[in-house]
Amino acid sequence: MGSPRNTLYTVPVLLVILIILELTSLSKSAPDYTSLVYKGCAKQDLADPTGVYSQALSALFGTLIAQSSKAKFFKTTTGSGQTTINGLFQCRGDLSNVDCYNCVSRLPILIDKLCGKPIAARLQLFGCYMLYEVAGFSQISGMEMLYKTCSGTNVGGAGYEEKRDTAFSSLANGIGNANGFYTTSYESVYVLGQCEGDVGSADCVECVKNAVQRAQVECGSSVSGQIYLHKCFISYSYYQNGVPKRSSSSSYTSPSSSGSGQNTGKTVAIILGGAAGVGFLVIFLLFARNLTKKRDVRINMSFKTVEISTFLIPLKRVITKAMGE
């Protein structure tokens, strides 16, 4: 068995380590608008022996990145004749211009890394996406599903699907008059929808309705999901303790501009630093006390019985509450 003196130093160290691990897991769980959702890369590579396509593609990326600092959607063309390349980007409607730029500016590098230089590519991050295609590339229907993700088992309880469908109905009814981006909630279900920037109001509503039907079929009773069609996408989430308060009633709070992202990260960092500081201060004081005393320090061994979780659980509740605000 270890001596009381060893226990004196070991418990605070373990406490600090557990706090750091707990807060790190909470910090990683926060949403990030630059996280990769999916990639779509054409199987055929660009035939570019002279580098003409590469130059046109670089020019396209440069234009799209430049426009992302002042617009949420932009579509353009570079090159001419057989070397024409069409491209666009779109940011989620609730991102600030700075966040939109930061999101879009990552995409060309990621496209090159994940796809190389195919004749067409589309990359979707949580907060933005970019696509390009060479002239003559075969087109697909705006209603074609590109990607889906559904959560696991339904924990929404009785009546969950009715609540979700009511929220879906509100989304479909509201997005037609919301310039292609709309969020709403019903009881504990939060939904978001967005259409590509050049899609008309009626087509947008039709696309969102199609995505809703896909969600109902593909995700069933899942408590969260995302459905990406070619011209629109929707996402929904069930919050057991109620939908967190947003900065406004009609827009989802950007992870980087309000309470769920950077502020959460700052809160976690502050508490993490404070907890670590307190832990190391305790260790230092105990060490100093040991040096200044000639006799052995008697320790109340009941200290060993203190459950670490009694400290971690309230701390986790504070962090979780901060993330939801």
C-alpha atoms as a PDB file:
ATOM      1  CA  MET A   1       0.000   0.000   0.000  1.00  0.00           C
ATOM      2  CA  GLY A   2       1.136   3.530  -0.687  1.00  0.00           C
ATOM      3  CA  SER A   3       1.958   5.856   2.155  1.00  0.00           C
ATOM      4  CA  PRO A   4      -0.392   8.706   3.148  1.00  0.00           C
ATOM      5  CA  ARG A   5       2.147  11.134   1.728  1.00  0.00           C
ATOM      6  CA  ASN A   6       1.986   9.479  -1.714  1.00  0.00           C
ATOM      7  CA  THR A   7      -1.801   9.563  -1.608  1.00  0.00           C
ATOM      8  CA  LEU A   8      -1.603  13.255  -0.803  1.00  0.00           C
ATOM      9  CA  TYR A   9       0.119  13.972  -4.106  1.00  0.00           C
ATOM     10  CA  THR A  10      -1.547  11.331  -6.275  1.00  0.00           C
ATOM     11  CA  VAL A  11      -5.190  12.329  -5.760  1.00  0.00           C
ATOM     12  CA  PRO A  12      -4.831  15.977  -6.925  1.00  0.00           C
ATOM     13  CA  VAL A  13      -2.828  14.858  -9.970  1.00  0.00           C
ATOM     14  CA  LEU A  14      -5.469  12.300 -10.936  1.00  0.00           C
ATOM     15  CA  LEU A  15      -8.172  14.889 -10.383  1.00  0.00           C
ATOM     16  CA  VAL A  16      -6.517  17.364 -12.744  1.00  0.00           C
ATOM     17  CA  ILE A  17      -5.994  14.672 -15.395  1.00  0.00           C
ATOM     18  CA  LEU A  18      -9.637  13.588 -15.227  1.00  0.00           C
ATOM     19  CA  ILE A  19     -10.822  17.194 -15.479  1.00  0.00           C
ATOM     20  CA  ILE A  20      -8.653  17.795 -18.543  1.00  0.00           C
ATOM     21  CA  LEU A  21      -9.918  14.627 -20.248  1.00  0.00           C
ATOM     22  CA  GLU A  22     -13.545  15.488 -19.472  1.00  0.00           C
ATOM     23  CA  LEU A  23     -13.291  19.052 -20.748  1.00  0.00           C
ATOM     24  CA  THR A  24     -11.373  17.972 -23.830  1.00  0.00           C
ATOM     25  CA  SER A  25     -14.176  15.575 -24.785  1.00  0.00           C
ATOM     26  CA  LEU A  26     -16.752  18.329 -24.290  1.00  0.00           C
ATOM     27  CA  SER A  27     -14.738  20.761 -26.373  1.00  0.00           C
ATOM     28  CA  LYS A  28     -14.413  18.247 -29.220  1.00  0.00           C
ATOM     29  CA  SER A  29     -18.164  17.663 -29.225  1.00  0.00           C
ATOM     30  CA  ALA A  30     -18.873  21.288 -30.113  1.00  0.00           C
ATOM     31  CA  PRO A  31     -19.922  21.718 -33.768  1.00  0.00           C
ATOM     32  CA  ASP A  32     -17.388  23.164 -36.212  1.00  0.00           C
ATOM     33  CA  TYR A  33     -18.496  24.813 -39.440  1.00  0.00           C
ATOM     34  CA  THR A  34     -15.276  23.696 -41.162  1.00  0.00           C
ATOM     35  CA  SER A  35     -15.802  19.988 -40.431  1.00  0.00           C
ATOM     36  CA  LEU A  36     -16.064  17.773 -43.506  1.00  0.00           C
ATOM     37  CA  VAL A  37     -19.528  16.403 -44.247  1.00  0.00           C
ATOM     38  CA  TYR A  38     -18.958  14.651 -47.573  1.00  0.00           C
ATOM     39  CA  LYS A  39     -16.970  14.769 -50.801  1.00  0.00           C
ATOM     40  CA  GLY A  40     -17.989  14.012 -54.346  1.00  0.00           C
ATOM     41  CA  CYS A  41     -15.209  13.488 -56.898  1.00  0.00           C
ATOM     42  CA  ALA A  42     -15.707  12.604 -60.562  1.00  0.00           C
ATOM     43  CA  LYS A  43     -13.925   9.414 -61.604  1.00  0.00           C
ATOM     44  CA  GLN A  44     -12.362  11.019 -64.679  1.00  0.00           C
ATOM     45  CA  ASP A  45      -9.298  13.213 -64.183  1.00  0.00           C
ATOM     46  CA  LEU A  46      -8.629  16.386 -66.129  1.00  0.00           C
ATOM     47  CA  ALA A  47      -6.569  15.758 -69.261  1.00  0.00           C
ATOM     48  CA  ASP A  48      -4.299  18.762 -68.910  1.00  0.00           C
ATOM     49  CA  PRO A  49      -0.924  18.303 -70.650  1.00  0.00           C
ATOM     50  CA  THR A  50      -0.479  22.050 -71.214  1.00  0.00           C
ATOM     51  CA  GLY A  51      -1.725  23.199 -67.807  1.00  0.00           C
ATOM     52  CA  VAL A  52      -4.578  25.262 -69.269  1.00  0.00           C
ATOM     53  CA  TYR A  53      -7.210  23.611 -67.097  1.00  0.00           C
ATOM     54  CA  SER A  54      -5.086  24.031 -63.988  1.00  0.00           C
ATOM     55  CA  GLN A  55      -4.737  27.743 -64.662  1.00  0.00           C
ATOM     56  CA  ALA A  56      -8.478  28.115 -65.218  1.00  0.00           C
ATOM     57  CA  LEU A  57      -9.228  26.144 -62.056  1.00  0.00           C
ATOM     58  CA  SER A  58      -6.833  28.251 -59.986  1.00  0.00           C
ATOM     59  CA  ALA A  59      -8.457  31.407 -61.322  1.00  0.00           C
ATOM     60  CA  LEU A  60     -11.889  30.019 -60.468  1.00  0.00           C
ATOM     61  CA  PHE A  61     -10.877  29.177 -56.903  1.00  0.00           C
ATOM     62  CA  GLY A  62      -9.326  32.619 -56.458  1.00  0.00           C
ATOM     63  CA  THR A  63     -12.507  34.358 -57.596  1.00  0.00           C
ATOM     64  CA  LEU A  64     -14.738  32.235 -55.377  1.00  0.00           C
ATOM     65  CA  ILE A  65     -12.585  32.802 -52.306  1.00  0.00           C
ATOM     66  CA  ALA A  66     -12.477  36.556 -52.916  1.00  0.00           C
ATOM     67  CA  GLN A  67     -16.262  36.740 -53.236  1.00  0.00           C
ATOM     68  CA  SER A  68     -16.842  34.716 -50.067  1.00  0.00           C
ATOM     69  CA  SER A  69     -15.849  37.681 -47.905  1.00  0.00           C
ATOM     70  CA  LYS A  70     -18.884  39.646 -49.110  1.00  0.00           C
ATOM     71  CA  ALA A  71     -21.476  37.126 -50.322  1.00  0.00           C
ATOM     72  CA  LYS A  72     -23.022  33.873 -49.127  1.00  0.00           C
ATOM     73  CA  PHE A  73     -23.453  32.549 -52.663  1.00  0.00           C
ATOM     74  CA  PHE A  74     -21.534  33.154 -55.859  1.00  0.00           C
ATOM     75  CA  LYS A  75     -21.459  31.417 -59.214  1.00  0.00           C
ATOM     76  CA  THR A  76     -19.006  32.092 -62.020  1.00  0.00           C
ATOM     77  CA  THR A  77     -17.177  30.715 -65.049  1.00  0.00           C
ATOM     78  CA  THR A  78     -13.520  30.800 -66.054  1.00  0.00           C
ATOM     79  CA  GLY A  79     -11.679  29.783 -69.200  1.00  0.00           C
ATOM     80  CA  SER A  80     -13.180  29.643 -72.666  1.00  0.00           C
ATOM     81  CA  GLY A  81     -14.309  27.094 -75.206  1.00  0.00           C
ATOM     82  CA  GLN A  82     -13.334  23.566 -74.263  1.00  0.00           C
ATOM     83  CA  THR A  83     -11.452  24.785 -71.184  1.00  0.00           C
ATOM     84  CA  THR A  84     -14.488  26.475 -69.616  1.00  0.00           C
ATOM     85  CA  ILE A  85     -15.002  25.589 -65.966  1.00  0.00           C
ATOM     86  CA  ASN A  86     -18.165  26.459 -64.046  1.00  0.00           C
ATOM     87  CA  GLY A  87     -18.062  26.790 -60.291  1.00  0.00           C
ATOM     88  CA  LEU A  88     -19.858  28.116 -57.244  1.00  0.00           C
ATOM     89  CA  PHE A  89     -19.779  28.259 -53.488  1.00  0.00           C
ATOM     90  CA  GLN A  90     -22.463  28.697 -50.882  1.00  0.00           C
ATOM     91  CA  CYS A  91     -22.258  29.363 -47.158  1.00  0.00           C
ATOM     92  CA  ARG A  92     -24.932  28.528 -44.649  1.00  0.00           C
ATOM     93  CA  GLY A  93     -27.252  31.473 -44.258  1.00  0.00           C
ATOM     94  CA  ASP A  94     -26.369  32.159 -40.630  1.00  0.00           C
ATOM     95  CA  LEU A  95     -22.596  32.461 -41.087  1.00  0.00           C
ATOM     96  CA  SER A  96     -20.980  35.868 -40.847  1.00  0.00           C
ATOM     97  CA  ASN A  97     -18.919  37.127 -43.794  1.00  0.00           C
ATOM     98  CA  VAL A  98     -15.723  36.351 -41.887  1.00  0.00           C
ATOM     99  CA  ASP A  99     -16.843  32.814 -41.107  1.00  0.00           C
ATOM    100  CA  CYS A 100     -17.989  32.316 -44.689  1.00  0.00           C
ATOM    101  CA  TYR A 101     -14.582  33.384 -45.991  1.00  0.00           C
ATOM    102  CA  ASN A 102     -12.763  31.165 -43.496  1.00  0.00           C
ATOM    103  CA  CYS A 103     -14.923  28.227 -44.514  1.00  0.00           C
ATOM    104  CA  VAL A 104     -14.689  28.703 -48.287  1.00  0.00           C
ATOM    105  CA  SER A 105     -10.962  29.423 -48.278  1.00  0.00           C
ATOM    106  CA  ARG A 106     -10.329  25.901 -46.981  1.00  0.00           C
ATOM    107  CA  LEU A 107     -12.195  24.194 -49.794  1.00  0.00           C
ATOM    108  CA  PRO A 108      -9.726  24.416 -52.730  1.00  0.00           C
ATOM    109  CA  ILE A 109      -6.960  22.848 -50.630  1.00  0.00           C
ATOM    110  CA  LEU A 110      -9.286  20.110 -49.419  1.00  0.00           C
ATOM    111  CA  ILE A 111     -10.567  19.429 -52.933  1.00  0.00           C
ATOM    112  CA  ASP A 112      -7.016  19.007 -54.192  1.00  0.00           C
ATOM    113  CA  LYS A 113      -6.137  16.791 -51.220  1.00  0.00           C
ATOM    114  CA  LEU A 114      -9.247  14.600 -51.303  1.00  0.00           C
ATOM    115  CA  CYS A 115     -10.074  14.555 -55.017  1.00  0.00           C
ATOM    116  CA  GLY A 116      -6.980  15.587 -56.941  1.00  0.00           C
ATOM    117  CA  LYS A 117      -7.971  17.275 -60.211  1.00  0.00           C
ATOM    118  CA  PRO A 118     -11.042  15.487 -61.593  1.00  0.00           C
ATOM    119  CA  ILE A 119     -13.310  17.007 -64.224  1.00  0.00           C
ATOM    120  CA  ALA A 120     -15.862  17.790 -61.491  1.00  0.00           C
ATOM    121  CA  ALA A 121     -15.847  17.898 -57.702  1.00  0.00           C
ATOM    122  CA  ARG A 122     -18.092  18.929 -54.850  1.00  0.00           C
ATOM    123  CA  LEU A 123     -16.999  19.277 -51.238  1.00  0.00           C
ATOM    124  CA  GLN A 124     -19.419  19.963 -48.392  1.00  0.00           C
ATOM    125  CA  LEU A 125     -18.312  21.272 -45.020  1.00  0.00           C
ATOM    126  CA  PHE A 126     -20.683  21.866 -42.131  1.00  0.00           C
ATOM    127  CA  GLY A 127     -20.916  25.569 -42.965  1.00  0.00           C
ATOM    128  CA  CYS A 128     -20.251  25.816 -46.714  1.00  0.00           C
ATOM    129  CA  TYR A 129     -19.675  23.929 -49.927  1.00  0.00           C
ATOM    130  CA  MET A 130     -17.974  24.423 -53.271  1.00  0.00           C
ATOM    131  CA  LEU A 131     -18.358  22.686 -56.594  1.00  0.00           C
ATOM    132  CA  TYR A 132     -16.885  22.956 -60.049  1.00  0.00           C
ATOM    133  CA  GLU A 133     -17.310  21.119 -63.336  1.00  0.00           C
ATOM    134  CA  VAL A 134     -15.826  21.413 -66.802  1.00  0.00           C
ATOM    135  CA  ALA A 135     -18.045  22.411 -69.701  1.00  0.00           C
ATOM    136  CA  GLY A 136     -20.110  19.495 -70.968  1.00  0.00           C
ATOM    137  CA  PHE A 137     -20.120  17.573 -67.697  1.00  0.00           C
ATOM    138  CA  SER A 138     -23.353  15.601 -67.408  1.00  0.00           C
ATOM    139  CA  GLN A 139     -25.953  17.293 -65.213  1.00  0.00           C
ATOM    140  CA  ILE A 140     -28.026  15.630 -62.514  1.00  0.00           C
ATOM    141  CA  SER A 141     -31.463  16.383 -61.141  1.00  0.00           C
ATOM    142  CA  GLY A 142     -31.706  18.999 -58.434  1.00  0.00           C
ATOM    143  CA  MET A 143     -33.676  16.471 -56.384  1.00  0.00           C
ATOM    144  CA  GLU A 144     -31.019  13.768 -56.490  1.00  0.00           C
ATOM    145  CA  MET A 145     -29.783  12.798 -53.055  1.00  0.00           C
ATOM    146  CA  LEU A 146     -26.052  13.250 -52.627  1.00  0.00           C
ATOM    147  CA  TYR A 147     -25.574  12.338 -48.995  1.00  0.00           C
ATOM    148  CA  LYS A 148     -27.470  11.465 -45.847  1.00  0.00           C
ATOM    149  CA  THR A 149     -26.647  10.911 -42.210  1.00  0.00           C
ATOM    150  CA  CYS A 150     -29.035   9.687 -39.537  1.00  0.00           C
ATOM    151  CA  SER A 151     -28.517   9.240 -35.818  1.00  0.00           C
ATOM    152  CA  GLY A 152     -29.089   5.991 -33.978  1.00  0.00           C
ATOM    153  CA  THR A 153     -32.018   4.772 -31.951  1.00  0.00           C
ATOM    154  CA  ASN A 154     -35.007   6.966 -31.238  1.00  0.00           C
ATOM    155  CA  VAL A 155     -34.853   8.332 -27.704  1.00  0.00           C
ATOM    156  CA  GLY A 156     -37.394  11.033 -28.364  1.00  0.00           C
ATOM    157  CA  GLY A 157     -40.143   9.188 -26.561  1.00  0.00           C
ATOM    158  CA  ALA A 158     -43.829   8.966 -27.349  1.00  0.00           C
ATOM    159  CA  GLY A 159     -45.051  11.519 -29.867  1.00  0.00           C
ATOM    160  CA  TYR A 160     -41.568  12.333 -31.165  1.00  0.00           C
ATOM    161  CA  GLU A 161     -42.321  11.692 -34.824  1.00  0.00           C
ATOM    162  CA  GLU A 162     -45.410  13.915 -34.674  1.00  0.00           C
ATOM    163  CA  LYS A 163     -43.301  16.737 -33.223  1.00  0.00           C
ATOM    164  CA  ARG A 164     -40.641  16.239 -35.881  1.00  0.00           C
ATOM    165  CA  ASP A 165     -43.182  16.213 -38.711  1.00  0.00           C
ATOM    166  CA  THR A 166     -44.789  19.401 -37.378  1.00  0.00           C
ATOM    167  CA  ALA A 167     -41.365  21.056 -37.400  1.00  0.00           C
ATOM    168  CA  PHE A 168     -40.789  19.777 -40.948  1.00  0.00           C
ATOM    169  CA  SER A 169     -44.118  21.233 -42.046  1.00  0.00           C
ATOM    170  CA  SER A 170     -43.197  24.618 -40.586  1.00  0.00           C
ATOM    171  CA  LEU A 171     -39.874  24.480 -42.427  1.00  0.00           C
ATOM    172  CA  ALA A 172     -41.502  23.760 -45.783  1.00  0.00           C
ATOM    173  CA  ASN A 173     -44.065  26.522 -45.244  1.00  0.00           C
ATOM    174  CA  GLY A 174     -41.502  29.095 -44.169  1.00  0.00           C
ATOM    175  CA  ILE A 175     -38.567  28.649 -46.507  1.00  0.00           C
ATOM    176  CA  GLY A 176     -40.392  29.962 -49.574  1.00  0.00           C
ATOM    177  CA  ASN A 177     -40.431  33.486 -48.116  1.00  0.00           C
ATOM    178  CA  ALA A 178     -37.015  33.332 -46.444  1.00  0.00           C
ATOM    179  CA  ASN A 179     -34.606  33.789 -49.369  1.00  0.00           C
ATOM    180  CA  GLY A 180     -33.682  30.141 -49.388  1.00  0.00           C
ATOM    181  CA  PHE A 181     -32.565  29.759 -45.770  1.00  0.00           C
ATOM    182  CA  TYR A 182     -34.879  29.087 -42.862  1.00  0.00           C
ATOM    183  CA  THR A 183     -34.802  27.607 -39.387  1.00  0.00           C
ATOM    184  CA  THR A 184     -37.600  26.861 -36.976  1.00  0.00           C
ATOM    185  CA  SER A 185     -38.461  24.604 -34.078  1.00  0.00           C
ATOM    186  CA  TYR A 186     -41.438  22.871 -32.582  1.00  0.00           C
ATOM    187  CA  GLU A 187     -41.277  21.861 -28.946  1.00  0.00           C
ATOM    188  CA  SER A 188     -37.984  19.953 -28.710  1.00  0.00           C
ATOM    189  CA  VAL A 189     -37.229  19.574 -32.436  1.00  0.00           C
ATOM    190  CA  TYR A 190     -35.050  22.081 -34.302  1.00  0.00           C
ATOM    191  CA  VAL A 191     -34.905  22.089 -38.116  1.00  0.00           C
ATOM    192  CA  LEU A 192     -32.885  23.976 -40.712  1.00  0.00           C
ATOM    193  CA  GLY A 193     -33.172  24.145 -44.478  1.00  0.00           C
ATOM    194  CA  GLN A 194     -31.282  25.868 -47.279  1.00  0.00           C
ATOM    195  CA  CYS A 195     -31.523  25.952 -51.055  1.00  0.00           C
ATOM    196  CA  GLU A 196     -28.804  26.782 -53.547  1.00  0.00           C
ATOM    197  CA  GLY A 197     -28.638  30.520 -54.100  1.00  0.00           C
ATOM    198  CA  ASP A 198     -29.985  30.590 -57.663  1.00  0.00           C
ATOM    199  CA  VAL A 199     -32.986  28.328 -56.993  1.00  0.00           C
ATOM    200  CA  GLY A 200     -36.349  30.079 -57.251  1.00  0.00           C
ATOM    201  CA  SER A 201     -38.781  30.203 -54.347  1.00  0.00           C
ATOM    202  CA  ALA A 202     -41.226  27.612 -55.691  1.00  0.00           C
ATOM    203  CA  ASP A 203     -38.450  25.196 -56.657  1.00  0.00           C
ATOM    204  CA  CYS A 204     -36.851  25.708 -53.262  1.00  0.00           C
ATOM    205  CA  VAL A 205     -40.046  24.725 -51.463  1.00  0.00           C
ATOM    206  CA  GLU A 206     -40.380  21.670 -53.686  1.00  0.00           C
ATOM    207  CA  CYS A 207     -36.779  20.660 -53.039  1.00  0.00           C
ATOM    208  CA  VAL A 208     -37.131  21.020 -49.264  1.00  0.00           C
ATOM    209  CA  LYS A 209     -40.359  19.013 -49.275  1.00  0.00           C
ATOM    210  CA  ASN A 210     -38.537  16.300 -51.189  1.00  0.00           C
ATOM    211  CA  ALA A 211     -35.706  16.355 -48.639  1.00  0.00           C
ATOM    212  CA  VAL A 212     -38.224  16.122 -45.792  1.00  0.00           C
ATOM    213  CA  GLN A 213     -39.802  13.049 -47.368  1.00  0.00           C
ATOM    214  CA  ARG A 214     -36.354  11.504 -47.755  1.00  0.00           C
ATOM    215  CA  ALA A 215     -35.618  12.188 -44.088  1.00  0.00           C
ATOM    216  CA  GLN A 216     -38.850  10.557 -42.977  1.00  0.00           C
ATOM    217  CA  VAL A 217     -38.124   7.460 -45.058  1.00  0.00           C
ATOM    218  CA  GLU A 218     -34.346   7.200 -44.810  1.00  0.00           C
ATOM    219  CA  CYS A 219     -33.927   8.207 -41.164  1.00  0.00           C
ATOM    220  CA  GLY A 220     -37.175   6.852 -39.734  1.00  0.00           C
ATOM    221  CA  SER A 221     -37.382   7.645 -36.029  1.00  0.00           C
ATOM    222  CA  SER A 222     -33.788   8.880 -35.691  1.00  0.00           C
ATOM    223  CA  VAL A 223     -33.581  11.904 -33.422  1.00  0.00           C
ATOM    224  CA  SER A 224     -31.269  13.800 -35.775  1.00  0.00           C
ATOM    225  CA  GLY A 225     -30.316  13.711 -39.412  1.00  0.00           C
ATOM    226  CA  GLN A 226     -29.088  15.587 -42.470  1.00  0.00           C
ATOM    227  CA  ILE A 227     -30.301  15.127 -46.025  1.00  0.00           C
ATOM    228  CA  TYR A 228     -28.317  16.698 -48.876  1.00  0.00           C
ATOM    229  CA  LEU A 229     -29.940  16.920 -52.285  1.00  0.00           C
ATOM    230  CA  HIS A 230     -28.250  18.505 -55.293  1.00  0.00           C
ATOM    231  CA  LYS A 231     -30.060  21.828 -54.880  1.00  0.00           C
ATOM    232  CA  CYS A 232     -30.963  21.921 -51.170  1.00  0.00           C
ATOM    233  CA  PHE A 233     -30.365  20.342 -47.797  1.00  0.00           C
ATOM    234  CA  ILE A 234     -32.115  20.000 -44.459  1.00  0.00           C
ATOM    235  CA  SER A 235     -30.983  19.039 -40.980  1.00  0.00           C
ATOM    236  CA  TYR A 236     -32.903  18.368 -37.801  1.00  0.00           C
ATOM    237  CA  SER A 237     -32.138  17.613 -34.161  1.00  0.00           C
ATOM    238  CA  TYR A 238     -34.133  16.607 -31.121  1.00  0.00           C
ATOM    239  CA  TYR A 239     -33.163  18.174 -27.779  1.00  0.00           C
ATOM    240  CA  GLN A 240     -34.352  16.185 -24.803  1.00  0.00           C
ATOM    241  CA  ASN A 241     -34.230  19.224 -22.520  1.00  0.00           C
ATOM    242  CA  GLY A 242     -35.705  21.626 -25.058  1.00  0.00           C
ATOM    243  CA  VAL A 243     -34.175  23.502 -27.988  1.00  0.00           C
ATOM    244  CA  PRO A 244     -31.328  25.750 -26.762  1.00  0.00           C
ATOM    245  CA  LYS A 245     -31.944  29.465 -26.960  1.00  0.00           C
ATOM    246  CA  ARG A 246     -30.720  31.057 -30.165  1.00  0.00           C
ATOM    247  CA  SER A 247     -29.491  34.558 -30.805  1.00  0.00           C
ATOM    248  CA  SER A 248     -32.613  35.150 -32.900  1.00  0.00           C
ATOM    249  CA  SER A 249     -35.862  33.343 -33.524  1.00  0.00           C
ATOM    250  CA  SER A 250     -35.250  32.704 -37.191  1.00  0.00           C
ATOM    251  CA  SER A 251     -31.603  31.752 -37.579  1.00  0.00           C
ATOM    252  CA  TYR A 252     -29.368  29.059 -36.254  1.00  0.00           C
ATOM    253  CA  THR A 253     -26.528  30.381 -34.138  1.00  0.00           C
ATOM    254  CA  SER A 254     -23.246  30.065 -35.956  1.00  0.00           C
ATOM    255  CA  PRO A 255     -20.806  27.856 -34.090  1.00  0.00           C
ATOM    256  CA  SER A 256     -18.153  30.516 -34.535  1.00  0.00           C
ATOM    257  CA  SER A 257     -20.115  33.647 -33.827  1.00  0.00           C
ATOM    258  CA  SER A 258     -22.177  32.886 -30.761  1.00  0.00           C
ATOM    259  CA  GLY A 259     -22.723  30.659 -27.791  1.00  0.00           C
ATOM    260  CA  SER A 260     -22.187  27.182 -29.229  1.00  0.00           C
ATOM    261  CA  GLY A 261     -18.776  27.465 -30.860  1.00  0.00           C
ATOM    262  CA  GLN A 262     -15.908  29.755 -30.078  1.00  0.00           C
ATOM    263  CA  ASN A 263     -17.546  31.052 -26.932  1.00  0.00           C
ATOM    264  CA  THR A 264     -17.973  27.476 -25.791  1.00  0.00           C
ATOM    265  CA  GLY A 265     -14.346  26.871 -26.596  1.00  0.00           C
ATOM    266  CA  LYS A 266     -13.373  29.962 -24.613  1.00  0.00           C
ATOM    267  CA  THR A 267     -15.527  28.861 -21.689  1.00  0.00           C
ATOM    268  CA  VAL A 268     -13.971  25.414 -21.732  1.00  0.00           C
ATOM    269  CA  ALA A 269     -10.485  26.902 -22.005  1.00  0.00           C
ATOM    270  CA  ILE A 270     -11.081  29.254 -19.078  1.00  0.00           C
ATOM    271  CA  ILE A 271     -12.451  26.526 -16.828  1.00  0.00           C
ATOM    272  CA  LEU A 272      -9.795  24.098 -17.996  1.00  0.00           C
ATOM    273  CA  GLY A 273      -7.057  26.577 -17.181  1.00  0.00           C
ATOM    274  CA  GLY A 274      -8.628  27.421 -13.851  1.00  0.00           C
ATOM    275  CA  ALA A 275      -9.068  23.791 -12.866  1.00  0.00           C
ATOM    276  CA  ALA A 276      -5.532  22.907 -13.870  1.00  0.00           C
ATOM    277  CA  GLY A 277      -4.213  25.964 -12.047  1.00  0.00           C
ATOM    278  CA  VAL A 278      -6.053  25.063  -8.870  1.00  0.00           C
ATOM    279  CA  GLY A 279      -4.831  21.488  -9.071  1.00  0.00           C
ATOM    280  CA  PHE A 280      -1.210  22.466  -9.493  1.00  0.00           C
ATOM    281  CA  LEU A 281      -1.526  25.096  -6.778  1.00  0.00           C
ATOM    282  CA  VAL A 282      -2.771  22.418  -4.385  1.00  0.00           C
ATOM    283  CA  ILE A 283       0.169  20.202  -5.295  1.00  0.00           C
ATOM    284  CA  PHE A 284       2.620  23.067  -4.799  1.00  0.00           C
ATOM    285  CA  LEU A 285       1.189  24.028  -1.409  1.00  0.00           C
ATOM    286  CA  LEU A 286       1.241  20.444  -0.231  1.00  0.00           C
ATOM    287  CA  PHE A 287       4.833  20.078  -1.370  1.00  0.00           C
ATOM    288  CA  ALA A 288       5.821  23.316   0.370  1.00  0.00           C
ATOM    289  CA  ARG A 289       4.043  22.211   3.512  1.00  0.00           C
ATOM    290  CA  ASN A 290       5.959  18.964   3.463  1.00  0.00           C
ATOM    291  CA  LEU A 291       9.271  20.781   3.192  1.00  0.00           C
ATOM    292  CA  THR A 292       8.567  23.157   6.059  1.00  0.00           C
ATOM    293  CA  LYS A 293       7.464  20.473   8.499  1.00  0.00           C
ATOM    294  CA  LYS A 294       9.937  18.196  10.207  1.00  0.00           C
ATOM    295  CA  ARG A 295       7.355  15.751  11.395  1.00  0.00           C
ATOM    296  CA  ASP A 296       5.198  13.498   9.284  1.00  0.00           C
ATOM    297  CA  VAL A 297       1.936  14.929   8.114  1.00  0.00           C
ATOM    298  CA  ARG A 298      -1.019  12.929   9.280  1.00  0.00           C
ATOM    299  CA  ILE A 299      -3.666  12.731   6.623  1.00  0.00           C
ATOM    300  CA  ASN A 300      -7.293  12.095   7.183  1.00  0.00           C
ATOM    301  CA  MET A 301      -7.664   8.981   5.071  1.00  0.00           C
ATOM    302  CA  SER A 302     -11.335   9.683   4.545  1.00  0.00           C
ATOM    303  CA  PHE A 303     -10.118  12.017   1.786  1.00  0.00           C
ATOM    304  CA  LYS A 304      -9.502   8.913  -0.301  1.00  0.00           C
ATOM    305  CA  THR A 305     -13.174   8.081  -0.271  1.00  0.00           C
ATOM    306  CA  VAL A 306     -14.218  11.295  -1.967  1.00  0.00           C
ATOM    307  CA  GLU A 307     -15.729  10.406  -5.321  1.00  0.00           C
ATOM    308  CA  ILE A 308     -14.066  12.254  -8.165  1.00  0.00           C
ATOM    309  CA  SER A 309     -17.405  12.225 -10.003  1.00  0.00           C
ATOM    310  CA  THR A 310     -18.970  14.463  -7.343  1.00  0.00           C
ATOM    311  CA  PHE A 311     -16.699  17.194  -8.638  1.00  0.00           C
ATOM    312  CA  LEU A 312     -16.780  16.323 -12.328  1.00  0.00           C
ATOM    313  CA  ILE A 313     -20.558  15.984 -12.716  1.00  0.00           C
ATOM    314  CA  PRO A 314     -21.407  19.549 -11.572  1.00  0.00           C
ATOM    315  CA  LEU A 315     -18.510  20.857 -13.667  1.00  0.00           C
ATOM    316  CA  LYS A 316     -19.794  19.003 -16.720  1.00  0.00           C
ATOM    317  CA  ARG A 317     -23.256  20.466 -16.167  1.00  0.00           C
ATOM    318  CA  VAL A 318     -21.784  23.981 -16.150  1.00  0.00           C
ATOM    319  CA  ILE A 319     -19.945  23.359 -19.428  1.00  0.00           C
ATOM    320  CA  THR A 320     -22.934  21.696 -21.081  1.00  0.00           C
ATOM    321  CA  LYS A 321     -25.154  24.598 -20.076  1.00  0.00           C
ATOM    322  CA  ALA A 322     -22.642  27.051 -21.524  1.00  0.00           C
ATOM    323  CA  MET A 323     -22.589  25.102 -24.797  1.00  0.00           C
ATOM    324  CA  GLY A 324     -26.355  25.250 -25.090  1.00  0.00           C
ATOM    325  CA  GLU A 325     -26.680  28.997 -24.504  1.00  0.00           C
END
